[in-house]
Amino acid sequence: MKYPLGVQSFENIRKDGFLYIDKTALVHQIATNGKYYFLSRPRRFGKSLLISTLEAYFLGKKELFEGLKMEQLEQSWTVYPVLHLDLNARNYSDKEALLAELNKHLEIWETEYGSDYKDRAPEERFQHVIVNAYKKTGKKVVILVDEYDKPLLQTFDNKPLLEDYRKTLKAFYGVEKTLDAYIQFAFFTGVTKFSKVSVFSDLNNLTDISLDLRYATLCGITDEEIHNCLDKAVDLLGKAYDISKEACYERLRDSYDGYHFHQKAQGVYNPFSLLSALSRSEFGSYWFETGTPTILVEVLKRTDYSLSQLSHEETSADLLGNLDDIENSPIALVYQSGYLTIKGYDERFETYRLGFPNREVEEGFTRYLVPYYTPLRKEQTVTFIKGFVRDIEEGQPEQFMTRLETLFANGNYQIAGNAELYFSNALYVVFQLLGFYVEVEHATTDGRIDMIVKTSDYIYILEFKLDKTADEALRQIEEKQYAKPFEHDSRHIYKIGVNFSTKTRRIDGWKIEK
């Protein structure tokens, strides 16, 4: 089987015999039931392939859809002029980059459809290209914009350049609203949605299908599609790990499934990670390794976000859908970038409950946070966590606490900002990583992290205090009977009280009782 990893052209996939999961029934539904669309999905989720499929459809390339659902659904196969703007292939670090990319596409279109306005602003040239294409072909124009937000995301921390790009794109995209009579169909894709103060403020006729139940599986792969199209590949992957096919399916779900783009929708797999694992017959952290969320971490730190909220964040649909309030809440950016997904919905208050979609994302993101929230460098992470795991599995709480104390005692590490939040976030990162190797339960209240760590032979109950004493922490374990649920458990139980000083920004006391 040929896996289309890195192949984003629908035509190449069909002509060269690559695997194609048939989404053409949904493509036909979109193309024939509306006019202006916007779809937000994380990177590597098949947005470019979707745009390419729409392009092939509107160019009337019937032969490419042979054997697919579209073949039975479409009868006319009308050929339209298609203007495909792909903003994904350039680095937008300097002021001239966006204009250069727009000019590249405009020159191609002007060569095909003609224009007497090559010396005008990009939006004027775009307007005349649309009109000329209509006049030359007698057909209304199809406009496909892939990764519309790439220039904005790359300049997110460069406010002057971001504003310059925003104005350019706002004027360019806004042309469509004034030329409705010449346009057959328009489709925008991107990772994020900049709305009120950004590029879509003039283009308010777009139908946002990012959280539309009808199109929740448009990008991504469902469990049913894997069973129908990839069952043999799953069997081979299971044999490579000496596990049953059903066990392999379960591990694939745990690793790559879990994305929900509507509260009632079935989950979908990250297609890049799933196909990478099946093509190599090896589980791995594929999606996370294709990009680093530097912007996310900077925004999380700048907004003093408590990381413990990531696993149970709640937000409204309005906040989830745009980035206008990003300086006050980073959640929209984290969600739209694919690091959180919908886990539940409260109809009474119309709020979404969010969480990590799967193990690949949770573990990869946590590992990435380590050098930002602890003194550890990235290359030290595995060795350090391995030591923690060895200590608790061997029943060595003293060594475990000494290691934890050392983590906060690095005098070369300059801690800025709220000391209580720093302590809470650093502990969150450490214990999240531990949780991938042993069972860890934690609950956060008012900046205080309480932990229960379980292995096959030991149970550790940890209470953390701020600016108090280790004795007070132990006393709380006793008074609130945190150990009571385990009184009939055969495992050894350790109670550990820890105090963190906001003055010294270190652990200044810990005590253990068996």
Protein backbone atom coordinates (compact mmCIF):
# COMPACT_ATOMS: atom_id res chain seq x y z
CA MET A 1 0.00 0.00 0.00
CA LYS A 2 1.25 3.48 -0.90
CA TYR A 3 0.67 5.99 1.88
CA PRO A 4 0.20 9.64 0.81
CA LEU A 5 2.53 11.07 3.47
CA GLY A 6 3.52 14.55 2.33
CA VAL A 7 1.40 14.22 -0.83
CA GLN A 8 -1.21 16.98 -0.88
CA SER A 9 -2.31 16.82 -4.52
CA PHE A 10 -5.56 14.94 -5.08
CA GLU A 11 -4.59 14.39 -8.71
CA ASN A 12 -1.23 12.85 -7.79
CA ILE A 13 -2.83 10.61 -5.17
CA ARG A 14 -5.38 9.28 -7.64
CA LYS A 15 -3.06 8.89 -10.63
CA ASP A 16 -0.14 7.39 -8.72
CA GLY A 17 -2.15 4.84 -6.76
CA PHE A 18 -1.80 6.27 -3.25
CA LEU A 19 -4.28 5.41 -0.52
CA TYR A 20 -7.26 7.78 -0.51
CA ILE A 21 -9.92 7.75 2.22
CA ASP A 22 -13.07 8.72 0.32
CA LYS A 23 -14.39 12.07 1.60
CA THR A 24 -15.96 13.07 -1.71
CA ALA A 25 -19.58 12.74 -0.54
CA LEU A 26 -18.90 15.51 1.98
CA VAL A 27 -17.00 17.50 -0.64
CA HIS A 28 -20.00 17.31 -2.97
CA GLN A 29 -22.33 18.35 -0.16
CA ILE A 30 -20.22 21.42 0.57
CA ALA A 31 -19.80 22.36 -3.08
CA THR A 32 -23.50 22.14 -3.92
CA ASN A 33 -25.16 23.44 -0.75
CA GLY A 34 -23.37 26.71 -0.07
CA LYS A 35 -21.12 29.39 -1.48
CA TYR A 36 -18.67 30.87 1.07
CA TYR A 37 -16.94 28.65 3.64
CA PHE A 38 -14.24 28.72 6.29
CA LEU A 39 -12.73 25.63 7.93
CA SER A 40 -10.24 25.61 10.80
CA ARG A 41 -8.27 22.45 11.50
CA PRO A 42 -4.87 21.72 13.11
CA ARG A 43 -1.80 21.38 10.93
CA ARG A 44 -1.24 18.07 9.12
CA PHE A 45 -4.96 17.29 9.13
CA GLY A 46 -5.53 17.18 5.37
CA LYS A 47 -6.65 20.76 4.71
CA SER A 48 -4.43 21.10 1.63
CA LEU A 49 -5.69 17.78 0.24
CA LEU A 50 -9.26 18.99 0.77
CA ILE A 51 -8.53 22.19 -1.17
CA SER A 52 -6.91 20.14 -3.93
CA THR A 53 -9.96 17.85 -4.08
CA LEU A 54 -12.28 20.85 -4.41
CA GLU A 55 -10.03 22.22 -7.16
CA ALA A 56 -10.20 18.97 -9.13
CA TYR A 57 -13.99 18.90 -8.74
CA PHE A 58 -14.52 22.47 -9.95
CA LEU A 59 -12.12 21.93 -12.85
CA GLY A 60 -14.41 19.10 -13.95
CA LYS A 61 -11.76 16.35 -13.72
CA LYS A 62 -14.28 13.55 -13.67
CA GLU A 63 -11.70 10.84 -14.35
CA LEU A 64 -10.00 11.47 -10.98
CA PHE A 65 -13.19 10.57 -9.10
CA GLU A 66 -13.73 7.20 -10.73
CA GLY A 67 -14.84 4.65 -8.14
CA LEU A 68 -15.46 7.32 -5.50
CA LYS A 69 -18.81 8.48 -4.13
CA MET A 70 -18.56 11.70 -6.12
CA GLU A 71 -18.89 9.70 -9.35
CA GLN A 72 -22.50 8.82 -8.52
CA LEU A 73 -23.38 12.16 -6.94
CA GLU A 74 -22.24 14.58 -9.65
CA GLN A 75 -23.90 14.69 -13.07
CA SER A 76 -22.93 17.93 -14.80
CA TRP A 77 -19.15 18.22 -14.20
CA THR A 78 -19.11 21.90 -15.12
CA VAL A 79 -15.65 23.42 -15.58
CA TYR A 80 -15.07 26.67 -13.68
CA PRO A 81 -12.08 29.04 -13.57
CA VAL A 82 -10.29 28.28 -10.28
CA LEU A 83 -8.04 30.71 -8.40
CA HIS A 84 -6.05 28.66 -5.88
CA LEU A 85 -4.06 30.73 -3.38
CA ASP A 86 -1.67 28.62 -1.29
CA LEU A 87 0.09 30.60 1.46
CA ASN A 88 1.76 27.59 3.02
CA ALA A 89 5.02 27.50 1.10
CA ARG A 90 6.86 30.64 2.25
CA ASN A 91 8.59 32.05 5.31
CA TYR A 92 6.94 35.35 6.22
CA SER A 93 9.63 36.80 8.46
CA ASP A 94 10.18 40.02 6.48
CA LYS A 95 7.86 42.75 5.25
CA GLU A 96 8.18 41.92 1.55
CA ALA A 97 7.41 38.20 1.86
CA LEU A 98 3.61 38.43 1.80
CA LEU A 99 3.53 40.81 -1.17
CA ALA A 100 5.95 38.56 -3.02
CA GLU A 101 3.71 35.54 -2.48
CA LEU A 102 0.56 37.39 -3.54
CA ASN A 103 2.36 38.77 -6.60
CA LYS A 104 3.50 35.28 -7.57
CA HIS A 105 -0.07 34.02 -7.71
CA LEU A 106 -1.42 37.21 -9.31
CA GLU A 107 1.12 37.00 -12.12
CA ILE A 108 0.08 33.41 -12.89
CA TRP A 109 -3.60 34.37 -12.96
CA GLU A 110 -2.96 37.53 -15.00
CA THR A 111 -1.04 35.51 -17.58
CA GLU A 112 -4.05 33.21 -17.98
CA TYR A 113 -6.89 35.72 -17.80
CA GLY A 114 -5.21 39.03 -18.69
CA SER A 115 -5.02 42.31 -16.79
CA ASP A 116 -4.25 45.97 -17.41
CA TYR A 117 -3.67 46.68 -13.72
CA LYS A 118 -0.34 45.00 -13.00
CA ASP A 119 1.01 48.16 -11.38
CA ARG A 120 -1.88 48.46 -8.91
CA ALA A 121 -2.26 47.25 -5.31
CA PRO A 122 -2.75 43.48 -4.86
CA GLU A 123 -6.45 43.82 -4.00
CA GLU A 124 -7.13 45.84 -7.17
CA ARG A 125 -5.29 43.29 -9.30
CA PHE A 126 -7.20 40.46 -7.62
CA GLN A 127 -10.48 42.19 -8.33
CA HIS A 128 -9.70 42.55 -12.03
CA VAL A 129 -8.46 38.96 -12.29
CA ILE A 130 -11.81 37.72 -10.97
CA VAL A 131 -13.78 39.88 -13.41
CA ASN A 132 -11.54 38.96 -16.36
CA ALA A 133 -11.76 35.24 -15.56
CA TYR A 134 -15.55 35.50 -15.59
CA LYS A 135 -15.59 37.41 -18.86
CA LYS A 136 -13.11 35.10 -20.58
CA THR A 137 -14.75 31.80 -19.59
CA GLY A 138 -18.36 32.79 -19.16
CA LYS A 139 -18.34 30.97 -15.83
CA LYS A 140 -18.31 32.30 -12.32
CA VAL A 141 -15.02 32.01 -10.45
CA VAL A 142 -14.03 29.54 -7.73
CA ILE A 143 -11.63 30.90 -5.08
CA LEU A 144 -9.69 28.45 -2.87
CA VAL A 145 -7.39 29.82 -0.15
CA ASP A 146 -5.19 27.33 1.69
CA GLU A 147 -3.64 28.28 5.06
CA TYR A 148 -4.94 31.85 4.90
CA ASP A 149 -3.44 32.57 8.35
CA LYS A 150 0.14 31.35 7.80
CA PRO A 151 1.55 34.92 7.49
CA LEU A 152 -0.29 35.98 10.65
CA LEU A 153 0.85 33.03 12.74
CA GLN A 154 4.49 33.48 11.73
CA THR A 155 4.42 37.15 12.78
CA PHE A 156 2.30 36.73 15.91
CA ASP A 157 4.99 38.22 18.18
CA ASN A 158 5.99 40.94 15.73
CA LYS A 159 3.14 43.40 16.23
CA PRO A 160 4.08 45.97 13.54
CA LEU A 161 4.56 43.30 10.85
CA LEU A 162 1.44 41.44 12.02
CA GLU A 163 -0.62 44.63 11.66
CA ASP A 164 0.89 45.29 8.22
CA TYR A 165 0.03 41.77 7.07
CA ARG A 166 -3.44 42.00 8.59
CA LYS A 167 -4.25 45.15 6.60
CA THR A 168 -2.92 43.63 3.38
CA LEU A 169 -4.90 40.39 3.73
CA LYS A 170 -8.03 42.15 4.93
CA ALA A 171 -8.11 44.27 1.77
CA PHE A 172 -7.19 41.32 -0.45
CA TYR A 173 -9.79 38.90 0.91
CA GLY A 174 -12.41 41.66 1.17
CA VAL A 175 -12.55 41.87 -2.62
CA GLU A 176 -14.78 38.80 -2.63
CA LYS A 177 -17.61 40.57 -0.85
CA THR A 178 -17.83 43.25 -3.54
CA LEU A 179 -17.75 40.73 -6.40
CA ASP A 180 -20.43 38.29 -5.31
CA ALA A 181 -22.03 38.29 -8.79
CA TYR A 182 -18.79 36.94 -10.29
CA ILE A 183 -18.09 34.20 -7.72
CA GLN A 184 -19.41 30.64 -7.80
CA PHE A 185 -17.74 29.32 -4.65
CA ALA A 186 -15.07 30.29 -2.10
CA PHE A 187 -13.36 28.17 0.54
CA PHE A 188 -10.79 29.27 3.14
CA THR A 189 -8.76 26.96 5.36
CA GLY A 190 -6.44 27.74 8.25
CA VAL A 191 -5.28 26.60 11.65
CA THR A 192 -6.77 29.57 13.49
CA LYS A 193 -9.61 32.02 13.18
CA PHE A 194 -8.79 35.71 13.44
CA SER A 195 -12.16 37.43 13.36
CA LYS A 196 -13.43 40.75 14.73
CA VAL A 197 -10.30 42.86 14.45
CA SER A 198 -8.67 40.91 11.67
CA VAL A 199 -8.88 39.73 8.11
CA PHE A 200 -12.49 38.50 8.11
CA SER A 201 -14.12 41.61 9.58
CA ASP A 202 -15.18 42.77 6.09
CA LEU A 203 -15.80 39.27 4.78
CA ASN A 204 -18.62 38.39 7.17
CA ASN A 205 -20.54 36.22 4.72
CA LEU A 206 -18.32 33.17 5.33
CA THR A 207 -20.02 30.10 6.78
CA ASP A 208 -17.73 28.73 9.47
CA ILE A 209 -17.99 24.92 9.43
CA SER A 210 -15.17 24.34 11.92
CA LEU A 211 -17.63 23.18 14.61
CA ASP A 212 -20.36 21.93 12.26
CA LEU A 213 -21.55 18.39 13.06
CA ARG A 214 -22.19 17.67 9.37
CA TYR A 215 -18.52 18.17 8.54
CA ALA A 216 -16.84 17.02 11.75
CA THR A 217 -15.17 14.08 9.94
CA LEU A 218 -14.27 15.98 6.75
CA CYS A 219 -10.61 16.06 7.78
CA GLY A 220 -9.15 13.24 9.85
CA ILE A 221 -9.84 9.51 9.75
CA THR A 222 -12.62 7.72 11.61
CA ASP A 223 -12.42 4.34 13.30
CA GLU A 224 -14.83 2.93 10.71
CA GLU A 225 -12.62 4.16 7.86
CA ILE A 226 -9.58 2.46 9.41
CA HIS A 227 -11.43 -0.85 9.68
CA ASN A 228 -12.67 -0.57 6.08
CA CYS A 229 -9.45 0.63 4.43
CA LEU A 230 -6.53 -0.13 6.73
CA ASP A 231 -7.41 -3.32 8.60
CA LYS A 232 -4.54 -5.34 7.08
CA ALA A 233 -2.04 -2.61 7.92
CA VAL A 234 -3.23 -2.61 11.54
CA ASP A 235 -2.78 -6.37 11.65
CA LEU A 236 0.82 -5.99 10.41
CA LEU A 237 1.54 -3.30 13.00
CA GLY A 238 0.20 -5.57 15.74
CA LYS A 239 2.44 -8.42 14.59
CA ALA A 240 5.45 -6.11 14.68
CA TYR A 241 4.75 -5.57 18.40
CA ASP A 242 3.60 -9.14 19.06
CA ILE A 243 0.12 -8.00 20.12
CA SER A 244 -3.32 -8.91 18.81
CA LYS A 245 -5.02 -6.84 16.15
CA GLU A 246 -7.62 -5.66 18.65
CA ALA A 247 -4.90 -4.65 21.09
CA CYS A 248 -3.23 -2.77 18.26
CA TYR A 249 -6.45 -0.93 17.47
CA GLU A 250 -6.72 0.05 21.13
CA ARG A 251 -3.18 1.39 21.19
CA LEU A 252 -3.81 3.35 18.00
CA ARG A 253 -6.90 4.91 19.58
CA ASP A 254 -4.99 5.84 22.70
CA SER A 255 -2.12 7.31 20.69
CA TYR A 256 -3.75 9.13 17.77
CA ASP A 257 -7.56 9.21 18.08
CA GLY A 258 -9.71 11.53 20.16
CA TYR A 259 -10.15 14.72 18.13
CA HIS A 260 -13.73 16.01 18.32
CA PHE A 261 -14.88 18.95 16.21
CA HIS A 262 -18.40 18.94 17.61
CA GLN A 263 -19.69 17.83 20.98
CA LYS A 264 -21.86 15.13 19.37
CA ALA A 265 -19.39 14.04 16.71
CA GLN A 266 -17.41 10.82 16.68
CA GLY A 267 -13.71 11.13 17.26
CA VAL A 268 -11.24 11.25 14.40
CA TYR A 269 -7.59 10.23 14.20
CA ASN A 270 -4.79 12.56 13.30
CA PRO A 271 -4.20 11.32 9.73
CA PHE A 272 -0.50 12.16 9.59
CA SER A 273 0.36 10.26 12.77
CA LEU A 274 -1.89 7.30 11.98
CA LEU A 275 -0.56 6.80 8.45
CA SER A 276 3.02 7.34 9.62
CA ALA A 277 2.66 4.60 12.23
CA LEU A 278 1.06 2.18 9.77
CA SER A 279 3.53 2.87 6.97
CA ARG A 280 6.53 2.26 9.25
CA SER A 281 4.83 -0.43 11.38
CA GLU A 282 6.05 1.54 14.38
CA PHE A 283 4.37 3.68 17.01
CA GLY A 284 5.92 7.11 17.37
CA SER A 285 5.34 10.80 18.09
CA TYR A 286 4.94 11.82 14.46
CA TRP A 287 2.63 14.85 14.47
CA PHE A 288 4.37 16.63 17.31
CA GLU A 289 7.79 16.18 15.72
CA THR A 290 6.69 18.03 12.55
CA GLY A 291 6.36 21.36 14.35
CA THR A 292 7.09 23.11 17.62
CA PRO A 293 4.43 25.25 19.33
CA THR A 294 6.77 28.08 20.39
CA ILE A 295 3.99 30.65 20.03
CA LEU A 296 1.73 28.62 22.32
CA VAL A 297 4.28 28.44 25.12
CA GLU A 298 5.09 32.14 24.89
CA VAL A 299 1.39 33.01 25.12
CA LEU A 300 0.85 30.59 28.02
CA LYS A 301 3.70 32.18 29.96
CA ARG A 302 2.76 35.75 29.06
CA THR A 303 -0.80 35.26 30.29
CA ASP A 304 0.31 33.53 33.54
CA TYR A 305 -1.72 30.48 32.63
CA SER A 306 -1.96 27.67 35.18
CA LEU A 307 -1.03 24.50 33.31
CA SER A 308 -3.14 22.32 35.58
CA GLN A 309 -6.22 23.76 33.85
CA LEU A 310 -5.25 22.17 30.52
CA SER A 311 -6.81 18.84 31.42
CA HIS A 312 -10.20 20.30 32.39
CA GLU A 313 -10.50 23.71 30.76
CA GLU A 314 -14.01 25.04 30.12
CA THR A 315 -14.87 27.78 27.66
CA SER A 316 -17.68 29.19 25.54
CA ALA A 317 -18.12 28.73 21.81
CA ASP A 318 -17.42 32.43 21.21
CA LEU A 319 -14.02 32.22 22.90
CA LEU A 320 -13.21 28.89 21.28
CA GLY A 321 -13.87 30.26 17.82
CA ASN A 322 -11.57 33.28 17.59
CA LEU A 323 -8.28 34.74 18.79
CA ASP A 324 -9.40 38.29 19.50
CA ASP A 325 -8.91 38.00 23.28
CA ILE A 326 -5.65 36.04 23.09
CA GLU A 327 -3.80 38.33 25.52
CA ASN A 328 -6.30 37.48 28.26
CA SER A 329 -6.93 33.83 27.45
CA PRO A 330 -4.66 31.53 25.41
CA ILE A 331 -7.18 28.69 25.21
CA ALA A 332 -8.52 29.49 21.74
CA LEU A 333 -5.01 29.31 20.30
CA VAL A 334 -4.21 26.06 22.15
CA TYR A 335 -7.49 24.49 20.96
CA GLN A 336 -7.33 25.67 17.35
CA SER A 337 -3.73 24.53 17.07
CA GLY A 338 -4.81 20.97 17.95
CA TYR A 339 -3.34 20.56 21.44
CA LEU A 340 -6.77 20.47 23.09
CA THR A 341 -10.05 19.11 21.80
CA ILE A 342 -13.71 18.95 22.82
CA LYS A 343 -14.35 16.43 25.60
CA GLY A 344 -17.86 17.44 26.66
CA TYR A 345 -20.56 20.09 26.43
CA ASP A 346 -22.79 21.74 29.03
CA GLU A 347 -26.03 22.60 27.25
CA ARG A 348 -27.35 24.62 30.16
CA PHE A 349 -24.45 27.08 30.12
CA GLU A 350 -23.37 26.44 26.51
CA THR A 351 -19.79 25.75 27.49
CA TYR A 352 -17.27 23.23 26.17
CA ARG A 353 -15.05 21.07 28.34
CA LEU A 354 -11.64 20.62 26.76
CA GLY A 355 -8.77 18.20 27.22
CA PHE A 356 -5.85 16.57 25.42
CA PRO A 357 -7.06 14.46 22.46
CA ASN A 358 -4.62 11.59 22.90
CA ARG A 359 -1.37 10.38 24.41
CA GLU A 360 0.81 11.57 21.52
CA VAL A 361 -0.29 15.17 22.00
CA GLU A 362 -0.33 15.12 25.79
CA GLU A 363 3.10 13.55 26.14
CA GLY A 364 4.68 15.54 23.32
CA PHE A 365 3.34 18.86 24.59
CA THR A 366 4.37 18.11 28.17
CA ARG A 367 7.90 17.21 27.09
CA TYR A 368 8.07 20.40 25.09
CA LEU A 369 7.11 22.46 28.18
CA VAL A 370 9.98 21.10 30.31
CA PRO A 371 12.71 23.67 29.47
CA TYR A 372 10.20 26.52 29.71
CA TYR A 373 8.93 25.66 33.19
CA THR A 374 11.82 23.82 34.88
CA PRO A 375 15.61 24.21 35.03
CA LEU A 376 15.97 21.07 32.90
CA ARG A 377 17.19 21.25 29.36
CA LYS A 378 15.31 19.26 26.72
CA GLU A 379 18.02 16.59 26.45
CA GLN A 380 17.98 16.06 30.24
CA THR A 381 14.27 15.26 30.44
CA VAL A 382 14.28 11.50 29.79
CA THR A 383 17.20 10.80 32.15
CA PHE A 384 15.67 12.88 34.93
CA ILE A 385 12.21 11.30 34.66
CA LYS A 386 13.79 7.83 34.44
CA GLY A 387 15.42 8.51 37.80
CA PHE A 388 12.10 9.57 39.32
CA VAL A 389 10.37 6.44 38.04
CA ARG A 390 13.15 4.16 39.30
CA ASP A 391 12.98 5.74 42.77
CA ILE A 392 9.25 5.26 43.22
CA GLU A 393 9.15 1.78 41.69
CA GLU A 394 11.91 0.65 44.04
CA GLY A 395 10.31 2.20 47.13
CA GLN A 396 12.92 4.95 47.60
CA PRO A 397 10.89 8.07 48.54
CA GLU A 398 13.93 9.76 50.12
CA GLN A 399 15.82 9.58 46.83
CA PHE A 400 12.70 10.71 45.00
CA MET A 401 12.35 13.79 47.22
CA THR A 402 16.05 14.58 47.03
CA ARG A 403 15.77 14.55 43.25
CA LEU A 404 12.69 16.80 43.38
CA GLU A 405 14.40 19.16 45.80
CA THR A 406 17.39 19.38 43.46
CA LEU A 407 15.08 20.36 40.61
CA PHE A 408 14.16 23.58 42.42
CA ALA A 409 17.61 24.20 43.93
CA ASN A 410 19.41 25.08 40.72
CA GLY A 411 20.89 28.47 41.53
CA ASN A 412 21.53 29.24 37.87
CA TYR A 413 17.84 29.12 37.06
CA GLN A 414 16.25 32.57 37.14
CA ILE A 415 12.58 32.35 38.08
CA ALA A 416 10.50 35.34 37.08
CA GLY A 417 6.95 36.21 37.98
CA ASN A 418 4.57 34.60 40.43
CA ALA A 419 6.49 32.09 42.58
CA GLU A 420 3.36 30.16 43.53
CA LEU A 421 2.37 29.76 39.88
CA TYR A 422 5.92 28.75 38.99
CA PHE A 423 5.91 26.02 41.64
CA SER A 424 2.50 24.78 40.55
CA ASN A 425 3.40 24.72 36.83
CA ALA A 426 6.78 23.07 37.38
CA LEU A 427 5.21 20.32 39.48
CA TYR A 428 2.48 19.86 36.89
CA VAL A 429 5.04 19.27 34.14
CA VAL A 430 7.09 16.81 36.24
CA PHE A 431 4.13 14.76 37.43
CA GLN A 432 2.50 14.76 34.00
CA LEU A 433 5.65 13.14 32.63
CA LEU A 434 5.67 10.64 35.48
CA GLY A 435 2.09 9.78 34.62
CA PHE A 436 3.14 8.30 31.29
CA TYR A 437 5.11 5.59 33.12
CA VAL A 438 3.26 5.07 36.41
CA GLU A 439 -0.23 5.87 37.66
CA VAL A 440 -0.52 9.46 38.88
CA GLU A 441 -3.63 11.19 40.19
CA HIS A 442 -3.65 14.85 41.06
CA ALA A 443 -6.13 17.57 41.94
CA THR A 444 -5.35 21.27 41.97
CA THR A 445 -7.07 23.76 44.25
CA ASP A 446 -6.00 27.35 44.80
CA GLY A 447 -2.49 26.74 43.49
CA ARG A 448 -1.93 23.69 45.68
CA ILE A 449 -1.10 20.37 43.99
CA ASP A 450 -1.91 17.15 45.84
CA MET A 451 -0.62 13.93 44.34
CA ILE A 452 -1.16 10.20 44.59
CA VAL A 453 1.40 8.05 42.78
CA LYS A 454 0.81 4.30 42.42
CA THR A 455 3.05 1.44 41.35
CA SER A 456 2.56 -2.31 41.62
CA ASP A 457 4.14 -2.33 45.10
CA TYR A 458 3.82 1.19 46.49
CA ILE A 459 1.40 4.06 46.95
CA TYR A 460 2.70 7.57 47.60
CA ILE A 461 0.41 10.28 48.96
CA LEU A 462 1.92 13.73 48.60
CA GLU A 463 0.66 17.02 50.04
CA PHE A 464 2.29 20.29 48.99
CA LYS A 465 2.20 23.49 51.02
CA LEU A 466 3.29 27.04 50.29
CA ASP A 467 5.14 29.05 52.97
CA LYS A 468 4.13 26.63 55.76
CA THR A 469 5.84 23.44 56.95
CA ALA A 470 6.20 19.82 55.95
CA ASP A 471 4.61 18.85 59.29
CA GLU A 472 1.50 20.84 58.39
CA ALA A 473 1.35 19.05 55.06
CA LEU A 474 1.55 15.64 56.76
CA ARG A 475 -1.05 16.68 59.29
CA GLN A 476 -3.48 17.51 56.48
CA ILE A 477 -2.99 14.04 55.00
CA GLU A 478 -3.98 12.57 58.36
CA GLU A 479 -6.85 14.94 59.16
CA LYS A 480 -8.46 14.56 55.75
CA GLN A 481 -7.79 10.81 55.70
CA TYR A 482 -6.27 10.78 52.25
CA ALA A 483 -4.96 7.25 52.90
CA LYS A 484 -8.33 5.78 53.92
CA PRO A 485 -9.30 4.53 50.42
CA PHE A 486 -6.17 2.35 50.52
CA GLU A 487 -6.44 0.90 54.04
CA HIS A 488 -7.14 -2.59 52.68
CA ASP A 489 -4.57 -2.32 49.90
CA SER A 490 -1.63 -4.69 50.21
CA ARG A 491 0.84 -2.18 48.82
CA HIS A 492 3.20 -0.18 51.03
CA ILE A 493 1.94 3.37 51.61
CA TYR A 494 4.16 6.43 52.02
CA LYS A 495 2.82 9.81 53.15
CA ILE A 496 4.97 12.75 52.07
CA GLY A 497 4.59 16.34 53.20
CA VAL A 498 6.37 19.07 51.24
CA ASN A 499 6.69 22.82 51.68
CA PHE A 500 7.72 25.31 49.03
CA SER A 501 9.02 28.75 49.97
CA THR A 502 7.95 31.62 47.74
CA LYS A 503 10.76 33.68 49.28
CA THR A 504 13.63 31.36 48.34
CA ARG A 505 11.66 29.79 45.47
CA ARG A 506 12.78 26.35 46.55
CA ILE A 507 11.53 23.34 48.46
CA ASP A 508 12.60 24.23 52.01
CA GLY A 509 11.32 21.13 53.81
CA TRP A 510 9.90 17.66 53.29
CA LYS A 511 8.97 14.78 55.59
CA ILE A 512 8.07 11.14 54.98
CA GLU A 513 5.97 8.70 57.02
CA LYS A 514 5.48 5.04 56.11
